Amino acid sequence: MTWRFEEVSDPAPCFALRRTVFIQEQGFAEADEWDALDADAVHLLASDATGPLGTARLLCEGAAFAGNTGRIGRICVAKPARGTGLGAAIVRDAVERLRARGCTRVILGAQVRAAGFYEKLGFRPCGQVYDDGGVPHQEMDLAL
């Protein structure tokens, strides 16, 4: 598969993917999906010749890319691309982008049911399981 990963200045395609996956498919509330962090984030878009297929939101803790801990969030893949390895490719690309910005640690809030996926990519659980929009989540981290 040939995917293209790019940081987009217009996050509309990323938001459309998030709306489909998190709000329509998974049932998260509209108010829980959108927050002030979107304004400071780098929005990563994964696509192929057919169009947008996945996204992730990148931040550094404290202020946009001012700290040494990066955060990957809002990772999602459109139904037609699930099971192809795109999700793992998005996470790897995001990690490398954060490393290039000087981050020495990456954290993410994984849905508990997906924690094994992130463990295979080198992330380890840290902290307690918490509720996010009615779904159990686990904070996970990766040292770079």
Protein backbone atom coordinates (compact mmCIF):
# COMPACT_ATOMS: atom_id res chain seq x y z
CA MET A 1 0.00 0.00 0.00
CA THR A 2 1.17 3.49 -0.78
CA TRP A 3 0.09 6.06 1.75
CA ARG A 4 0.98 9.72 1.95
CA PHE A 5 1.38 11.41 5.35
CA GLU A 6 1.27 15.19 5.57
CA GLU A 7 0.83 17.92 8.11
CA VAL A 8 -2.14 19.92 6.86
CA SER A 9 -2.81 23.61 7.36
CA ASP A 10 -6.55 23.06 6.78
CA PRO A 11 -7.70 20.36 9.19
CA ALA A 12 -11.14 19.95 7.57
CA PRO A 13 -10.40 16.46 6.15
CA CYS A 14 -9.04 15.38 9.56
CA PHE A 15 -12.14 16.71 11.28
CA ALA A 16 -14.38 14.89 8.79
CA LEU A 17 -12.62 11.59 9.57
CA ARG A 18 -12.90 12.21 13.30
CA ARG A 19 -16.60 13.03 12.97
CA THR A 20 -17.25 9.79 11.09
CA VAL A 21 -15.20 7.52 13.34
CA PHE A 22 -15.61 9.00 16.81
CA ILE A 23 -19.04 10.64 16.69
CA GLN A 24 -21.01 8.62 14.14
CA GLU A 25 -19.44 5.16 14.55
CA GLN A 26 -18.29 5.12 18.19
CA GLY A 27 -20.97 7.41 19.61
CA PHE A 28 -18.82 10.03 21.31
CA ALA A 29 -20.64 13.28 22.01
CA GLU A 30 -19.95 16.19 19.70
CA ALA A 31 -18.96 18.31 22.71
CA ASP A 32 -16.35 15.72 23.77
CA GLU A 33 -14.68 15.51 20.36
CA TRP A 34 -13.82 19.14 19.72
CA ASP A 35 -11.65 21.11 22.12
CA ALA A 36 -9.26 24.05 22.28
CA LEU A 37 -6.24 21.80 21.64
CA ASP A 38 -7.14 21.59 17.95
CA ALA A 39 -6.01 25.20 17.48
CA ASP A 40 -2.44 24.47 18.68
CA ALA A 41 -2.10 20.97 17.23
CA VAL A 42 -0.40 19.71 14.14
CA HIS A 43 -2.97 17.72 12.19
CA LEU A 44 -1.51 14.72 10.41
CA LEU A 45 -3.48 13.36 7.46
CA ALA A 46 -2.92 9.94 5.89
CA SER A 47 -4.27 9.43 2.40
CA ASP A 48 -3.83 7.44 -0.77
CA ALA A 49 -5.04 7.91 -4.34
CA THR A 50 -8.65 7.46 -3.16
CA GLY A 51 -8.46 10.31 -0.63
CA PRO A 52 -8.19 10.78 3.16
CA LEU A 53 -8.01 7.56 5.17
CA GLY A 54 -6.68 8.41 8.63
CA THR A 55 -5.59 11.15 10.94
CA ALA A 56 -3.84 11.98 14.21
CA ARG A 57 -3.35 15.12 16.26
CA LEU A 58 0.15 16.00 17.51
CA LEU A 59 0.99 18.26 20.46
CA CYS A 60 3.78 18.87 22.91
CA GLU A 61 2.74 19.08 26.53
CA GLY A 62 2.69 22.58 27.99
CA ALA A 63 2.53 24.51 24.74
CA ALA A 64 2.62 23.69 21.07
CA PHE A 65 6.00 21.97 20.57
CA ALA A 66 7.61 23.82 23.48
CA GLY A 67 8.16 20.83 25.76
CA ASN A 68 9.98 17.55 25.39
CA THR A 69 6.90 15.32 25.79
CA GLY A 70 4.81 14.87 22.68
CA ARG A 71 1.21 13.74 22.66
CA ILE A 72 -0.53 11.85 19.88
CA GLY A 73 -4.29 12.00 20.00
CA ARG A 74 -7.45 11.58 17.98
CA ILE A 75 -5.93 8.70 15.99
CA CYS A 76 -8.49 7.20 13.65
CA VAL A 77 -8.70 5.21 10.43
CA ALA A 78 -11.63 5.09 8.00
CA LYS A 79 -13.42 1.73 7.72
CA PRO A 80 -12.09 0.85 4.24
CA ALA A 81 -8.49 1.14 5.49
CA ARG A 82 -8.84 -0.75 8.78
CA GLY A 83 -6.78 -3.91 9.04
CA THR A 84 -4.29 -2.72 6.42
CA GLY A 85 -1.57 -1.53 8.80
CA LEU A 86 -2.43 2.14 8.27
CA GLY A 87 -3.13 2.76 11.96
CA ALA A 88 0.33 1.54 12.94
CA ALA A 89 1.88 3.56 10.10
CA ILE A 90 0.15 6.72 11.34
CA VAL A 91 1.46 6.18 14.88
CA ARG A 92 5.02 5.49 13.63
CA ASP A 93 4.96 8.58 11.41
CA ALA A 94 3.62 10.72 14.27
CA VAL A 95 6.32 9.43 16.64
CA GLU A 96 9.04 10.31 14.13
CA ARG A 97 7.60 13.81 13.62
CA LEU A 98 7.60 14.40 17.37
CA ARG A 99 11.16 13.04 17.66
CA ALA A 100 12.25 15.46 14.91
CA ARG A 101 10.77 18.31 16.98
CA GLY A 102 12.95 17.35 19.94
CA CYS A 103 10.48 15.32 21.97
CA THR A 104 12.08 12.61 24.09
CA ARG A 105 8.86 10.97 25.21
CA VAL A 106 5.47 10.40 23.54
CA ILE A 107 2.21 9.83 25.39
CA LEU A 108 -1.28 8.97 24.25
CA GLY A 109 -4.64 8.11 25.78
CA ALA A 110 -5.60 4.71 24.36
CA GLN A 111 -9.04 3.20 24.47
CA VAL A 112 -8.46 0.20 26.77
CA ARG A 113 -9.67 -2.18 24.05
CA ALA A 114 -6.86 -0.87 21.79
CA ALA A 115 -4.05 -0.88 24.38
CA GLY A 116 -2.54 -4.08 22.94
CA PHE A 117 -2.22 -2.40 19.55
CA TYR A 118 -0.15 0.41 21.08
CA GLU A 119 1.92 -2.02 23.17
CA LYS A 120 2.99 -3.73 19.92
CA LEU A 121 4.29 -0.30 18.82
CA GLY A 122 6.39 0.04 21.99
CA PHE A 123 4.03 2.02 24.23
CA ARG A 124 3.65 1.02 27.87
CA PRO A 125 0.73 1.72 30.25
CA CYS A 126 1.33 4.52 32.75
CA GLY A 127 -1.19 5.81 35.26
CA GLN A 128 -4.70 4.70 36.05
CA VAL A 129 -7.48 3.77 33.66
CA TYR A 130 -9.85 6.73 33.29
CA ASP A 131 -13.19 7.48 31.68
CA ASP A 132 -13.29 9.57 28.51
CA GLY A 133 -16.76 10.04 27.08
CA GLY A 134 -18.00 6.85 28.72
CA VAL A 135 -15.15 4.75 27.29
CA PRO A 136 -12.31 3.41 29.49
CA HIS A 137 -8.93 4.82 28.45
CA GLN A 138 -5.36 4.09 29.51
CA GLU A 139 -2.56 6.63 29.38
CA MET A 140 0.46 5.08 27.63
CA ASP A 141 3.97 6.32 26.96
CA LEU A 142 6.99 5.64 24.77
CA ALA A 143 10.52 6.82 25.54
CA LEU A 144 12.40 8.04 22.46
